Structures are given as structure tokens and as C-alpha cells.
Amino acid sequence: MAQKVSGSTDQKLTREEVAKNNTEDSLWVIVDHKVYDVTDFLDAHPGGSVVLQQVAGQDATTAFYNLHRHEVLQKFSDLCIGTLENEKPEVIEPQPGDLSKVPYAEPLWLTPQFKTHYYNDSHRALQRELRKFVDEHIYPEAQEKELDGTYISQELVDKMAANNTLAMRLGPGKHLHGRKLLGNVDGAKFDYFHDLITAQELARVNARGFQDGNMAGMMISLTAVRQWANDAALRDKVTEECLSGKKFMCLAVTEAFAGSDVAGIRTTATRSADGKTYTISGTKKWITNGMFADYFVTGCKTDKGFSVFLVPKCDEIECKRIKTSYSTAAATTYIEFNNVVVPANHLLGKEHNGFAVIMSNFNHERWAMACMVIRWMRTVTEECMKWSNQRIVFGKKLIEQPVIRQKIAKMISLTEACQSWLETITYQMCQMDYAQQSKLLGGPIGLLKSYATRCAHEIADEGVNIFGGRGLTQSGMGRVVEMFHRTYKFDAILGGTEEILADLGVRQAMRNMPKAML
């Protein structure tokens, strides 16, 4: 039996030395020119000890990458005892903040050989620092919470409040003025391309339930308070509480009786005789972040129409968790308002004119959802490219099969088309104020989101077929593809279904149709 070596990963070993360590008492393997002592890992290996015994003392590089992601090696780096003499590792070790080297894994503007007229040095600085922050602080918690279903930690919320990531979620606006953002970006110069970067980088945590659990409720509700609050002091108070991470907020519009059909809601708000308060009664369903919300931006029927209110948490509000296809980390909620009394100054916008509040607020939500699902499409395409380049089937790499190349070509094409359309609309957003966006971009944004989620459907389907059984497994090589295939429908349903948004886009276009055509 060979002697077990203990030492640093700097020590140089020969293949002959490794070959001698081929028993249960001393078992070494080679992966990418590095030597790993897995003797004490035999019983802990998830795939069983036999798999390791089959490659004892041998170069297991091909076998390893045919089954595992490189991050597994990084996770168990303490098992590495050295490097082969006169040999160097070939696999790139990704570090927090790194851009991917895989073709099409990054949008074209982040690819050095391509030019852009949309993005400048400020955008690049934000992207670089935000990616590093996501990799180091958000990704690890996202993976943990997605599995155990618990809600985002106050510690992480505090970090995002401190570096103004929470404030960036709302998009450009006065709430960012005077703030220094990641990358030393001036908050007053934060535009919708900065906003796009924020949405897409946050989506890279690859945890769809946690993605929504990470203050998505605030993103789609505090914007309405900022734009429509009639009481400036209340607006500023709530803004400070939420952007500092002290309080949480959600949007409560959807009901069991009414989803995309907002006009069908049954929750009522009755004004008191003296006009000083409203009493709210009814239910809401599928409300993101409702389980930990301190404020609810709530849509209600009033005697002459539809109105929206900022409702603080109180004893008359009961919240029950809903389990859906993704993790309960999203805090999806069923809510009962049992005669909740709110002051009249909590009305957002004008009484009976709440549709203007909700519909204009939908634009940023739908646009942000398109940003995120398109980033997911790119991530899944990257996963398929990496897998097909390392998976050996019938004696050759998957990528050598023409049918696989056709699938990947389709995935790349759909992703790049969606990103290009997204950037075109984003540019228009940068040229318009809030009122102009509400008037002109509801239809185009609706069509973008509808198209993007249709493309997501195609990419999810192709991704599973490329990964096979692993594409149906919630761990291992195909876990990102499995999650996307299981959860992309959230983007197709939340914020307005594909069908409703496609119809909205066409109806808005037809308003500008000439009365007569030659």
C-alpha cells in the first residue's frame, strides 16, 4: 500500500505515484491535471464508493466531466493534494464577477469583439460590481433558500439596502438622486439600461422562487406609491422604510375571481360617512411576498369604479402561504382583508380611477420580467452549450451531432432576437417620461413579454431534450435546465398572460390604424 501524502496543493506529483494509490486505504484520482485524495470521501460520495473505486489511481478527467459540473471540484477543493509534474490545469477557474467565456453566454454588448451604442462606461462599471456582489452574496443564499423554502434573510436585505441595490430595483427616479450606486454610478444618471443590467444580473442566481422572493413585491408596488401617492409625507416615509430594508411591501391585485381580468375583482373599499377612512373587505390570491409584507398596495372596487390603496399590515389582515411550482421562498400568499380600516390619505391616485394606477404600473413590471426571463434563456443556452461540449455519447461529443447543433442554433437565435428587441424598447423608455411610456409603450412591452415567454417555452423544451434525464432532475448537471423548464411559465402568467398581452399589443396598434387604406 502506498503512503498517504499530506501537503499543499502546490506539491508536484507524478502519474506513477498516483497509480500506486488505488485501494480503499489510499485512493487518488486525477482530474484536469490535479490530484485528489478521495480516500476519506468514499463513503460520502453521493454516487457511491464503487464509482470512485473504478477510477482509483487513474486520470478521471473525462469520466468526471461527463457527469459533473466544474463547481463540484471547487466545492471539494480541500481534497486536492497537488498538481501533476510538468502539467498545468486546462479548465478555467471562474471567480466572482467573471464574465463567461462560453460563446453567447453574455449579451453582445459584454462581448469584447462587438460594439454597442446603447451602453457606456457607467453601465459597464455597474454590471461588473453588481455581478461580483451577486456571485459573492446573493447566489449562495438564493441556492439555500430555494431548497429549504425559507424567506430572504434580513442580513442580505441589509446588504442590498446599504449598497442601494434595493433602490435600483424601482428603476430611474428621484429616489436615486444623491445615492452612490455600485460601480460608483451617480444615482441621478441611472437610466433604463442600468435598470436592465440590474434585472438581468439579479436573475443569474438561477433560483426562480427566490428571484421573486428577493423583493419582487416591492419592485412592483413601491413604484405605484412613488408615482401616485397623494400624501407626499406618507410617500417619503414608506419609501425610506422600504429602501432601507426596515419594511417590506407587495402588490395585491389578483384574486381567485380575477387574474388578468382586473375589472372582475370583488374586494371592496367603502368610504366612511365623514370621508376620513375606507373599510376594505375581500381576498387576494397568488400575491408575491405577501407572507412577509408590511404594506399591501391593494386594488378594490369602489361605488363608482376601481381604486387603489396603500394598506398597512394589521390584525384584520390574514395571510396564508400558497405552494406553487417554484419554491416557497417567493412567499406566495392568499390574503384576507377583514374590514380593514385605512385613512383616506392612503388612496393612490384618484378615487374610482385606479385603472390608470395599475395599468401604468404594469409597464415596468412586465418589462423587468422580460429582462429576467431573457437572461434565463441565455443561461439555459449556455448550460446546453457546455453540456453538449463535454458529454460523450456514442463515442463522440454531443455537439458533434448535427441535430444538437440545430437545437442550439435555435436557442441562440431566439435569445439574441429577444435581447435585441428588449434593448430597442429600453432605448425608447430612456427617451420618454412616465406619462409617455404609459401612453405609447404598453402595447410594445406586452408584445415583448408575450414573445419572450413563447421563446422561453421553446428553449426550455430543447434544453430538456439535450440534457435528457438530467433535464428532469433537480440536482446535478441539469438542475438549471430542470428549474427553467418547471418555472418559466411563471413569466408567461404573472403580470398578464401571453394571450392578454399579445391582444393588448395588437389593440393598441390598431388605435393608430388609418381610417382608410388605398
Protein backbone atom coordinates (compact mmCIF):
# COMPACT_ATOMS: atom_id res chain seq x y z
CA MET A 1 0.00 0.00 0.00
CA ALA A 2 1.31 3.44 -0.95
CA GLN A 3 1.91 6.04 1.70
CA LYS A 4 -0.77 8.68 2.01
CA VAL A 5 0.61 12.13 1.20
CA SER A 6 -0.41 15.19 3.10
CA GLY A 7 0.62 18.63 1.94
CA SER A 8 -0.31 21.70 -0.01
CA THR A 9 -1.82 21.79 -3.48
CA ASP A 10 1.49 23.24 -4.68
CA GLN A 11 3.30 19.91 -4.45
CA LYS A 12 4.17 18.16 -7.70
CA LEU A 13 3.27 14.51 -8.17
CA THR A 14 3.89 12.02 -10.95
CA ARG A 15 1.32 9.84 -12.65
CA GLU A 16 3.28 6.83 -11.40
CA GLU A 17 2.81 7.98 -7.79
CA VAL A 18 -0.90 8.44 -8.35
CA ALA A 19 -1.24 4.97 -9.91
CA LYS A 20 0.08 3.36 -6.72
CA ASN A 21 -2.74 4.87 -4.65
CA ASN A 22 -5.51 2.66 -5.98
CA THR A 23 -7.04 0.99 -2.92
CA GLU A 24 -9.73 1.84 -0.38
CA ASP A 25 -6.99 2.65 2.11
CA SER A 26 -5.40 5.23 -0.18
CA LEU A 27 -7.36 6.29 -3.23
CA TRP A 28 -6.20 9.09 -5.51
CA VAL A 29 -7.62 10.28 -8.81
CA ILE A 30 -6.57 12.82 -11.43
CA VAL A 31 -8.98 15.47 -12.74
CA ASP A 32 -7.71 18.18 -15.07
CA HIS A 33 -4.05 17.55 -14.17
CA LYS A 34 -4.77 17.93 -10.45
CA VAL A 35 -4.53 15.09 -7.94
CA TYR A 36 -7.34 14.47 -5.44
CA ASP A 37 -7.14 12.21 -2.41
CA VAL A 38 -10.69 10.87 -2.06
CA THR A 39 -9.91 8.13 0.47
CA ASP A 40 -11.96 9.73 3.24
CA PHE A 41 -14.65 10.78 0.74
CA LEU A 42 -15.54 7.26 -0.40
CA ASP A 43 -18.47 6.79 1.96
CA ALA A 44 -19.69 10.36 1.47
CA HIS A 45 -19.67 10.30 -2.33
CA PRO A 46 -23.30 10.80 -3.48
CA GLY A 47 -22.83 8.35 -6.32
CA GLY A 48 -21.45 5.64 -4.05
CA SER A 49 -17.93 4.38 -3.46
CA VAL A 50 -17.88 1.98 -6.42
CA VAL A 51 -17.73 4.83 -8.94
CA LEU A 52 -14.57 6.17 -7.33
CA GLN A 53 -13.02 2.71 -7.00
CA GLN A 54 -13.44 2.24 -10.76
CA VAL A 55 -11.07 5.15 -11.42
CA ALA A 56 -8.67 4.60 -8.49
CA GLY A 57 -5.16 5.75 -9.36
CA GLN A 58 -6.27 6.85 -12.82
CA ASP A 59 -6.95 10.00 -14.82
CA ALA A 60 -10.70 10.51 -14.30
CA THR A 61 -10.99 13.81 -16.17
CA THR A 62 -13.23 12.54 -18.97
CA ALA A 63 -15.39 10.49 -16.60
CA PHE A 64 -15.75 13.39 -14.17
CA TYR A 65 -16.81 16.00 -16.72
CA ASN A 66 -19.15 13.51 -18.34
CA LEU A 67 -21.14 13.52 -15.09
CA HIS A 68 -20.38 16.70 -13.13
CA ARG A 69 -20.20 20.46 -13.27
CA HIS A 70 -16.83 22.08 -12.59
CA GLU A 71 -18.23 23.76 -9.49
CA VAL A 72 -18.21 20.34 -7.80
CA LEU A 73 -14.40 20.42 -7.91
CA GLN A 74 -14.43 23.92 -6.47
CA LYS A 75 -16.74 22.77 -3.68
CA PHE A 76 -14.35 19.96 -2.71
CA SER A 77 -11.10 21.79 -3.41
CA ASP A 78 -9.77 20.74 0.00
CA LEU A 79 -9.39 17.20 -1.39
CA CYS A 80 -6.78 18.40 -3.88
CA ILE A 81 -3.27 17.42 -2.76
CA GLY A 82 -1.19 18.60 -5.70
CA THR A 83 -0.65 19.02 -9.42
CA LEU A 84 0.95 16.64 -11.89
CA GLU A 85 4.59 17.31 -12.58
CA ASN A 86 5.20 19.34 -15.77
CA GLU A 87 1.46 19.64 -16.38
CA LYS A 88 -0.96 22.55 -15.96
CA PRO A 89 -4.74 22.56 -15.41
CA GLU A 90 -6.68 23.46 -18.56
CA VAL A 91 -10.13 24.26 -17.19
CA ILE A 92 -10.77 27.93 -16.39
CA GLU A 93 -11.48 28.54 -12.71
CA PRO A 94 -14.35 31.07 -12.63
CA GLN A 95 -14.09 33.77 -9.98
CA PRO A 96 -16.84 36.00 -8.55
CA GLY A 97 -17.69 38.71 -11.07
CA ASP A 98 -16.17 36.93 -14.07
CA LEU A 99 -17.77 37.06 -17.49
CA SER A 100 -18.40 33.69 -19.08
CA LYS A 101 -16.08 32.60 -21.89
CA VAL A 102 -18.78 30.44 -23.48
CA PRO A 103 -19.99 31.88 -26.82
CA TYR A 104 -23.37 33.68 -26.50
CA ALA A 105 -23.33 33.23 -22.71
CA GLU A 106 -23.18 37.02 -22.38
CA PRO A 107 -25.16 39.63 -24.32
CA LEU A 108 -23.27 41.04 -27.29
CA TRP A 109 -22.51 44.34 -25.55
CA LEU A 110 -20.43 42.43 -22.97
CA THR A 111 -18.52 40.54 -25.66
CA PRO A 112 -15.21 42.38 -26.34
CA GLN A 113 -15.19 41.98 -30.11
CA PHE A 114 -18.63 43.60 -30.55
CA LYS A 115 -19.57 47.28 -30.35
CA THR A 116 -22.63 48.98 -28.86
CA HIS A 117 -24.27 52.39 -28.99
CA TYR A 118 -26.58 51.70 -26.04
CA TYR A 119 -24.11 51.09 -23.22
CA ASN A 120 -21.32 53.29 -21.83
CA ASP A 121 -18.61 53.03 -19.18
CA SER A 122 -21.14 53.73 -16.42
CA HIS A 123 -23.20 50.70 -17.47
CA ARG A 124 -20.10 48.52 -17.58
CA ALA A 125 -18.98 49.66 -14.14
CA LEU A 126 -22.37 48.83 -12.63
CA GLN A 127 -22.50 45.43 -14.33
CA ARG A 128 -19.03 44.50 -13.13
CA GLU A 129 -19.64 45.38 -9.48
CA LEU A 130 -23.19 44.06 -9.35
CA ARG A 131 -22.17 40.69 -10.79
CA LYS A 132 -19.46 40.36 -8.17
CA PHE A 133 -21.94 41.25 -5.43
CA VAL A 134 -24.50 38.75 -6.76
CA ASP A 135 -21.91 35.97 -7.03
CA GLU A 136 -20.49 36.53 -3.55
CA HIS A 137 -23.57 37.45 -1.52
CA ILE A 138 -26.88 36.73 -3.26
CA TYR A 139 -26.21 33.49 -5.17
CA PRO A 140 -25.21 31.39 -2.13
CA GLU A 141 -28.31 32.42 -0.17
CA ALA A 142 -30.55 32.02 -3.21
CA GLN A 143 -29.48 28.40 -3.65
CA GLU A 144 -30.04 27.68 0.04
CA LYS A 145 -33.45 29.37 0.23
CA GLU A 146 -34.69 27.82 -3.00
CA LEU A 147 -34.17 24.40 -1.46
CA ASP A 148 -35.47 24.94 2.07
CA GLY A 149 -38.28 27.36 1.10
CA THR A 150 -37.49 29.93 3.78
CA TYR A 151 -37.63 33.65 3.10
CA ILE A 152 -34.82 36.06 2.31
CA SER A 153 -32.63 36.90 5.31
CA GLN A 154 -32.61 40.32 6.93
CA GLU A 155 -28.82 40.21 6.66
CA LEU A 156 -28.97 40.07 2.86
CA VAL A 157 -31.70 42.71 2.71
CA ASP A 158 -29.50 44.99 4.81
CA LYS A 159 -26.57 44.47 2.43
CA MET A 160 -28.73 45.35 -0.57
CA ALA A 161 -30.07 48.40 1.22
CA ALA A 162 -26.55 49.55 2.12
CA ASN A 163 -25.25 49.43 -1.47
CA ASN A 164 -28.57 50.70 -2.90
CA THR A 165 -29.42 47.53 -4.83
CA LEU A 166 -32.91 47.78 -3.32
CA ALA A 167 -33.29 51.32 -4.58
CA MET A 168 -32.16 50.33 -8.07
CA ARG A 169 -34.98 47.79 -8.32
CA LEU A 170 -37.50 50.62 -8.81
CA GLY A 171 -35.80 51.92 -11.94
CA PRO A 172 -34.72 55.50 -12.62
CA GLY A 173 -36.19 58.27 -10.50
CA LYS A 174 -35.72 60.89 -7.82
CA HIS A 175 -35.43 58.18 -5.16
CA LEU A 176 -31.92 57.51 -6.56
CA HIS A 177 -30.77 61.12 -6.59
CA GLY A 178 -27.94 61.71 -4.14
CA ARG A 179 -27.15 57.98 -3.90
CA LYS A 180 -23.87 56.43 -4.98
CA LEU A 181 -24.56 53.08 -6.61
CA LEU A 182 -22.35 50.06 -7.27
CA GLY A 183 -19.59 50.92 -9.70
CA ASN A 184 -19.63 54.46 -8.31
CA VAL A 185 -22.57 55.25 -10.58
CA ASP A 186 -24.33 58.55 -9.86
CA GLY A 187 -27.93 57.76 -8.94
CA ALA A 188 -29.16 60.81 -10.87
CA LYS A 189 -27.68 59.29 -14.06
CA PHE A 190 -29.18 55.84 -13.56
CA ASP A 191 -31.20 55.08 -16.72
CA TYR A 192 -33.22 52.15 -18.03
CA PHE A 193 -30.12 50.40 -19.36
CA HIS A 194 -28.73 50.44 -15.82
CA ASP A 195 -32.13 49.09 -14.81
CA LEU A 196 -31.92 46.33 -17.44
CA ILE A 197 -28.49 45.34 -16.16
CA THR A 198 -29.80 45.20 -12.59
CA ALA A 199 -32.70 42.92 -13.55
CA GLN A 200 -30.59 40.55 -15.62
CA GLU A 201 -27.73 40.27 -13.16
CA LEU A 202 -30.13 39.51 -10.30
CA ALA A 203 -31.71 36.75 -12.40
CA ARG A 204 -28.36 34.98 -12.56
CA VAL A 205 -28.89 33.46 -9.12
CA ASN A 206 -30.63 30.63 -11.01
CA ALA A 207 -33.27 30.21 -8.30
CA ARG A 208 -36.67 31.16 -9.69
CA GLY A 209 -38.63 31.16 -6.44
CA PHE A 210 -36.00 33.14 -4.57
CA GLN A 211 -35.76 35.51 -7.54
CA ASP A 212 -39.32 36.60 -6.79
CA GLY A 213 -38.71 36.34 -3.06
CA ASN A 214 -35.91 38.89 -3.43
CA MET A 215 -38.11 41.98 -3.07
CA ALA A 216 -40.07 41.48 -6.30
CA GLY A 217 -43.17 42.56 -4.41
CA MET A 218 -41.56 45.87 -3.52
CA MET A 219 -40.36 46.40 -7.08
CA ILE A 220 -43.91 46.22 -8.47
CA SER A 221 -45.69 48.11 -5.68
CA LEU A 222 -43.43 50.85 -4.31
CA THR A 223 -43.29 52.26 -7.85
CA ALA A 224 -47.05 52.88 -7.64
CA VAL A 225 -46.67 54.60 -4.27
CA ARG A 226 -43.87 56.78 -5.62
CA GLN A 227 -45.87 57.83 -8.65
CA TRP A 228 -49.42 58.05 -7.32
CA ALA A 229 -49.36 58.83 -3.59
CA ASN A 230 -51.46 61.90 -2.80
CA ASP A 231 -49.68 62.49 0.52
CA ALA A 232 -46.01 63.38 -0.05
CA ALA A 233 -45.07 62.79 3.59
CA LEU A 234 -46.58 59.29 3.50
CA ARG A 235 -44.85 58.56 0.19
CA ASP A 236 -41.45 59.60 1.54
CA LYS A 237 -41.91 57.73 4.82
CA VAL A 238 -42.83 54.45 3.12
CA THR A 239 -40.06 54.87 0.54
CA GLU A 240 -37.43 55.33 3.24
CA GLU A 241 -38.71 52.35 5.24
CA CYS A 242 -38.67 50.01 2.24
CA LEU A 243 -35.42 51.13 0.62
CA SER A 244 -33.63 50.90 3.97
CA GLY A 245 -34.86 47.32 4.36
CA LYS A 246 -36.85 48.06 7.52
CA LYS A 247 -40.24 47.34 5.96
CA PHE A 248 -41.48 45.15 3.11
CA MET A 249 -44.20 45.64 0.54
CA CYS A 250 -46.24 43.74 -2.04
CA LEU A 251 -48.80 44.31 -4.80
CA ALA A 252 -52.20 42.78 -4.01
CA VAL A 253 -54.43 42.92 -7.09
CA THR A 254 -55.05 39.35 -8.30
CA GLU A 255 -57.93 37.34 -6.82
CA ALA A 256 -59.31 33.87 -7.22
CA PHE A 257 -62.12 35.55 -9.17
CA ALA A 258 -59.93 37.82 -11.29
CA GLY A 259 -56.40 37.46 -12.66
CA SER A 260 -55.72 39.29 -15.91
CA ASP A 261 -59.35 40.48 -15.75
CA VAL A 262 -58.64 43.24 -13.22
CA ALA A 263 -62.16 44.62 -13.70
CA GLY A 264 -63.58 41.43 -12.20
CA ILE A 265 -62.16 41.87 -8.70
CA ARG A 266 -64.55 41.62 -5.74
CA THR A 267 -62.55 43.16 -2.89
CA THR A 268 -64.38 46.32 -1.84
CA ALA A 269 -63.40 49.62 -0.28
CA THR A 270 -66.24 51.57 1.35
CA ARG A 271 -65.74 55.20 2.26
CA SER A 272 -66.90 56.37 5.69
CA ALA A 273 -69.66 58.97 6.02
CA ASP A 274 -67.16 61.63 7.10
CA GLY A 275 -64.82 60.73 4.25
CA LYS A 276 -61.84 60.20 6.54
CA THR A 277 -61.41 56.44 6.14
CA TYR A 278 -62.09 53.44 3.89
CA THR A 279 -63.05 49.94 5.04
CA ILE A 280 -61.58 47.17 2.88
CA SER A 281 -63.01 43.64 2.72
CA GLY A 282 -62.18 40.78 0.39
CA THR A 283 -59.46 38.34 -0.64
CA LYS A 284 -56.37 38.29 -2.81
CA LYS A 285 -54.52 35.26 -4.19
CA TRP A 286 -51.06 34.41 -5.56
CA ILE A 287 -49.57 37.55 -4.03
CA THR A 288 -45.77 37.54 -4.23
CA ASN A 289 -44.00 38.42 -0.92
CA GLY A 290 -47.33 38.67 0.89
CA MET A 291 -46.20 36.44 3.74
CA PHE A 292 -43.65 38.96 4.99
CA ALA A 293 -45.17 42.21 3.70
CA ASP A 294 -45.74 45.21 5.95
CA TYR A 295 -47.66 47.11 3.27
CA PHE A 296 -50.11 45.93 0.61
CA VAL A 297 -50.83 48.05 -2.50
CA THR A 298 -54.37 46.80 -2.94
CA GLY A 299 -56.87 47.09 -5.79
CA CYS A 300 -60.52 47.47 -4.69
CA LYS A 301 -63.98 48.07 -6.09
CA THR A 302 -65.43 51.40 -5.01
CA ASP A 303 -69.00 52.55 -5.54
CA LYS A 304 -68.24 54.22 -8.89
CA GLY A 305 -65.33 52.21 -10.18
CA PHE A 306 -61.95 50.86 -9.13
CA SER A 307 -59.46 52.38 -6.67
CA VAL A 308 -56.02 51.52 -5.27
CA PHE A 309 -54.93 51.85 -1.64
CA LEU A 310 -51.76 51.52 0.41
CA VAL A 311 -52.82 49.18 3.23
CA PRO A 312 -50.53 48.72 6.28
CA LYS A 313 -50.31 45.31 7.93
CA CYS A 314 -52.73 44.91 10.86
CA ASP A 315 -54.59 42.27 12.87
CA GLU A 316 -57.51 42.34 10.42
CA ILE A 317 -55.30 41.00 7.62
CA GLU A 318 -54.72 37.25 7.49
CA CYS A 319 -52.03 35.72 5.25
CA LYS A 320 -51.74 32.05 4.28
CA ARG A 321 -48.85 30.56 2.31
CA ILE A 322 -49.55 29.08 -1.13
CA LYS A 323 -47.33 26.32 -2.54
CA THR A 324 -46.71 26.61 -6.28
CA SER A 325 -44.37 25.05 -8.84
CA TYR A 326 -41.42 27.03 -7.54
CA SER A 327 -40.00 27.47 -4.05
CA THR A 328 -41.99 28.93 -1.18
CA ALA A 329 -39.04 31.33 -0.86
CA ALA A 330 -41.20 33.59 -3.07
CA ALA A 331 -43.66 33.91 -0.15
CA THR A 332 -46.68 33.47 -2.42
CA THR A 333 -49.78 34.29 -0.38
CA TYR A 334 -53.54 34.10 -0.02
CA ILE A 335 -54.76 37.22 1.79
CA GLU A 336 -58.00 38.03 3.62
CA PHE A 337 -58.92 41.64 4.38
CA ASN A 338 -61.49 41.52 7.16
CA ASN A 339 -62.94 45.03 7.44
CA VAL A 340 -59.55 46.71 7.38
CA VAL A 341 -59.80 50.45 8.04
CA VAL A 342 -57.29 52.73 6.27
CA PRO A 343 -57.03 56.54 6.31
CA ALA A 344 -58.30 58.38 3.24
CA ASN A 345 -54.83 59.73 2.51
CA HIS A 346 -53.74 56.14 1.70
CA LEU A 347 -55.66 56.33 -1.59
CA LEU A 348 -53.27 56.19 -4.55
CA GLY A 349 -54.28 58.36 -7.49
CA LYS A 350 -57.88 59.47 -7.82
CA GLU A 351 -60.86 57.64 -6.36
CA HIS A 352 -62.61 55.41 -8.92
CA ASN A 353 -59.68 55.91 -11.34
CA GLY A 354 -57.46 53.09 -10.14
CA PHE A 355 -57.06 51.53 -13.58
CA ALA A 356 -54.69 54.34 -14.51
CA VAL A 357 -52.59 53.48 -11.46
CA ILE A 358 -52.45 49.75 -12.12
CA MET A 359 -52.09 49.80 -15.90
CA SER A 360 -49.26 52.35 -15.95
CA ASN A 361 -47.53 50.47 -13.14
CA PHE A 362 -47.71 47.24 -15.15
CA ASN A 363 -45.28 48.55 -17.80
CA HIS A 364 -42.18 48.46 -15.63
CA GLU A 365 -43.18 45.12 -14.08
CA ARG A 366 -43.69 43.46 -17.46
CA TRP A 367 -40.52 44.96 -18.89
CA ALA A 368 -38.50 43.74 -15.88
CA MET A 369 -39.98 40.27 -16.22
CA ALA A 370 -38.92 40.23 -19.87
CA CYS A 371 -35.39 41.26 -18.83
CA MET A 372 -35.19 38.37 -16.39
CA VAL A 373 -36.70 35.60 -18.50
CA ILE A 374 -34.40 36.57 -21.40
CA ARG A 375 -31.42 36.29 -19.04
CA TRP A 376 -32.69 32.83 -18.05
CA MET A 377 -32.91 31.88 -21.73
CA ARG A 378 -29.29 32.88 -22.18
CA THR A 379 -28.23 30.92 -19.09
CA VAL A 380 -30.00 27.78 -20.30
CA THR A 381 -28.41 28.17 -23.74
CA GLU A 382 -25.01 28.43 -22.05
CA GLU A 383 -25.73 25.31 -19.98
CA CYS A 384 -26.63 23.38 -23.14
CA MET A 385 -23.51 24.53 -24.95
CA LYS A 386 -21.27 23.50 -22.04
CA TRP A 387 -23.01 20.14 -21.61
CA SER A 388 -23.00 19.25 -25.30
CA ASN A 389 -19.29 20.06 -25.45
CA GLN A 390 -18.38 17.76 -22.55
CA ARG A 391 -20.92 14.94 -22.79
CA ILE A 392 -19.65 11.88 -24.67
CA VAL A 393 -22.36 9.81 -26.37
CA PHE A 394 -21.79 7.03 -28.92
CA GLY A 395 -18.09 7.73 -28.73
CA LYS A 396 -18.16 11.44 -29.51
CA LYS A 397 -19.24 14.76 -28.08
CA LEU A 398 -22.90 15.68 -28.27
CA ILE A 399 -22.01 18.89 -30.11
CA GLU A 400 -20.69 16.78 -33.00
CA GLN A 401 -24.26 15.66 -33.69
CA PRO A 402 -25.92 17.93 -36.32
CA VAL A 403 -29.31 17.65 -34.61
CA ILE A 404 -27.84 19.06 -31.38
CA ARG A 405 -26.22 21.94 -33.26
CA GLN A 406 -29.59 22.74 -34.82
CA LYS A 407 -31.23 22.88 -31.41
CA ILE A 408 -28.55 25.17 -30.01
CA ALA A 409 -28.73 27.38 -33.10
CA LYS A 410 -32.44 27.83 -32.44
CA MET A 411 -31.81 28.67 -28.78
CA ILE A 412 -29.15 31.25 -29.65
CA SER A 413 -31.35 32.84 -32.31
CA LEU A 414 -34.38 33.19 -30.03
CA THR A 415 -32.30 34.60 -27.18
CA GLU A 416 -30.49 37.16 -29.31
CA ALA A 417 -33.72 38.24 -31.02
CA CYS A 418 -35.39 38.82 -27.64
CA GLN A 419 -32.40 40.71 -26.23
CA SER A 420 -32.27 42.94 -29.30
CA TRP A 421 -35.98 43.79 -29.06
CA LEU A 422 -35.61 44.37 -25.33
CA GLU A 423 -32.79 46.86 -25.91
CA THR A 424 -34.78 48.65 -28.61
CA ILE A 425 -37.71 49.19 -26.23
CA THR A 426 -35.33 50.12 -23.41
CA TYR A 427 -33.88 52.84 -25.57
CA GLN A 428 -37.38 54.23 -26.15
CA MET A 429 -38.00 54.17 -22.39
CA CYS A 430 -34.89 56.31 -21.92
CA GLN A 431 -36.35 58.92 -24.28
CA MET A 432 -39.78 59.13 -22.63
CA ASP A 433 -41.20 60.36 -19.36
CA TYR A 434 -43.60 58.25 -17.28
CA ALA A 435 -46.73 59.60 -19.00
CA GLN A 436 -45.36 58.98 -22.48
CA GLN A 437 -44.33 55.44 -21.56
CA SER A 438 -47.81 54.76 -20.21
CA LYS A 439 -49.39 56.03 -23.42
CA LEU A 440 -47.05 54.55 -26.03
CA LEU A 441 -45.23 51.51 -24.64
CA GLY A 442 -47.91 49.38 -23.00
CA GLY A 443 -48.53 47.52 -26.25
CA PRO A 444 -44.89 47.03 -27.32
CA ILE A 445 -43.86 45.88 -23.84
CA GLY A 446 -46.82 43.50 -23.75
CA LEU A 447 -45.82 42.03 -27.12
CA LEU A 448 -42.20 41.72 -25.98
CA LYS A 449 -43.12 39.84 -22.82
CA SER A 450 -45.55 37.59 -24.70
CA TYR A 451 -42.97 36.77 -27.37
CA ALA A 452 -40.14 36.26 -24.86
CA THR A 453 -42.12 33.73 -22.84
CA ARG A 454 -43.09 31.87 -26.04
CA CYS A 455 -39.38 31.73 -26.88
CA ALA A 456 -38.70 30.56 -23.31
CA HIS A 457 -41.14 27.70 -23.94
CA GLU A 458 -39.10 26.60 -26.97
CA ILE A 459 -35.77 26.93 -25.18
CA ALA A 460 -36.98 25.05 -22.11
CA ASP A 461 -38.21 22.21 -24.32
CA GLU A 462 -34.97 21.98 -26.33
CA GLY A 463 -32.88 22.24 -23.18
CA VAL A 464 -34.55 19.24 -21.55
CA ASN A 465 -34.15 17.18 -24.71
CA ILE A 466 -30.44 18.00 -24.87
CA PHE A 467 -29.89 17.05 -21.22
CA GLY A 468 -32.18 14.01 -21.29
CA GLY A 469 -32.92 12.55 -17.86
CA ARG A 470 -30.69 15.15 -16.23
CA GLY A 471 -33.04 17.83 -17.56
CA LEU A 472 -35.72 16.34 -15.33
CA THR A 473 -33.52 16.10 -12.24
CA GLN A 474 -33.41 18.81 -9.57
CA SER A 475 -29.72 18.28 -8.79
CA GLY A 476 -26.52 17.71 -10.71
CA MET A 477 -25.67 18.76 -14.24
CA GLY A 478 -29.19 19.53 -15.45
CA ARG A 479 -30.61 21.31 -12.41
CA VAL A 480 -30.66 24.78 -14.04
CA VAL A 481 -32.44 23.42 -17.11
CA GLU A 482 -34.88 21.47 -14.94
CA MET A 483 -35.73 24.57 -12.92
CA PHE A 484 -36.27 26.67 -16.01
CA HIS A 485 -38.49 24.03 -17.61
CA ARG A 486 -40.52 23.83 -14.39
CA THR A 487 -40.81 27.55 -13.73
CA TYR A 488 -40.65 29.57 -16.99
CA LYS A 489 -44.46 29.57 -17.01
CA PHE A 490 -44.42 31.99 -14.09
CA ASP A 491 -43.21 34.63 -16.52
CA ALA A 492 -45.88 33.61 -19.01
CA ILE A 493 -48.65 34.06 -16.42
CA LEU A 494 -47.60 36.67 -13.84
CA GLY A 495 -48.05 40.32 -14.79
CA GLY A 496 -50.50 39.40 -17.55
CA THR A 497 -50.77 36.21 -19.58
CA GLU A 498 -49.25 35.78 -23.03
CA GLU A 499 -52.65 35.90 -24.68
CA ILE A 500 -53.82 39.03 -22.84
CA LEU A 501 -50.59 40.89 -23.57
CA ALA A 502 -50.48 39.87 -27.23
CA ASP A 503 -54.04 41.12 -27.61
CA LEU A 504 -53.16 44.35 -25.79
CA GLY A 505 -50.31 44.95 -28.21
CA VAL A 506 -52.47 44.50 -31.28
CA ARG A 507 -55.36 46.57 -29.90
CA GLN A 508 -53.00 49.42 -29.09
CA ALA A 509 -51.50 49.24 -32.58
CA MET A 510 -54.94 49.30 -34.18
CA ARG A 511 -55.73 52.62 -32.50
CA ASN A 512 -53.26 54.19 -34.88
CA MET A 513 -54.57 52.37 -37.91
CA PRO A 514 -55.59 54.80 -40.70
CA LYS A 515 -59.34 55.06 -41.26
CA ALA A 516 -58.95 54.20 -44.93
CA MET A 517 -56.24 52.33 -46.81
CA LEU A 518 -55.54 52.83 -50.52
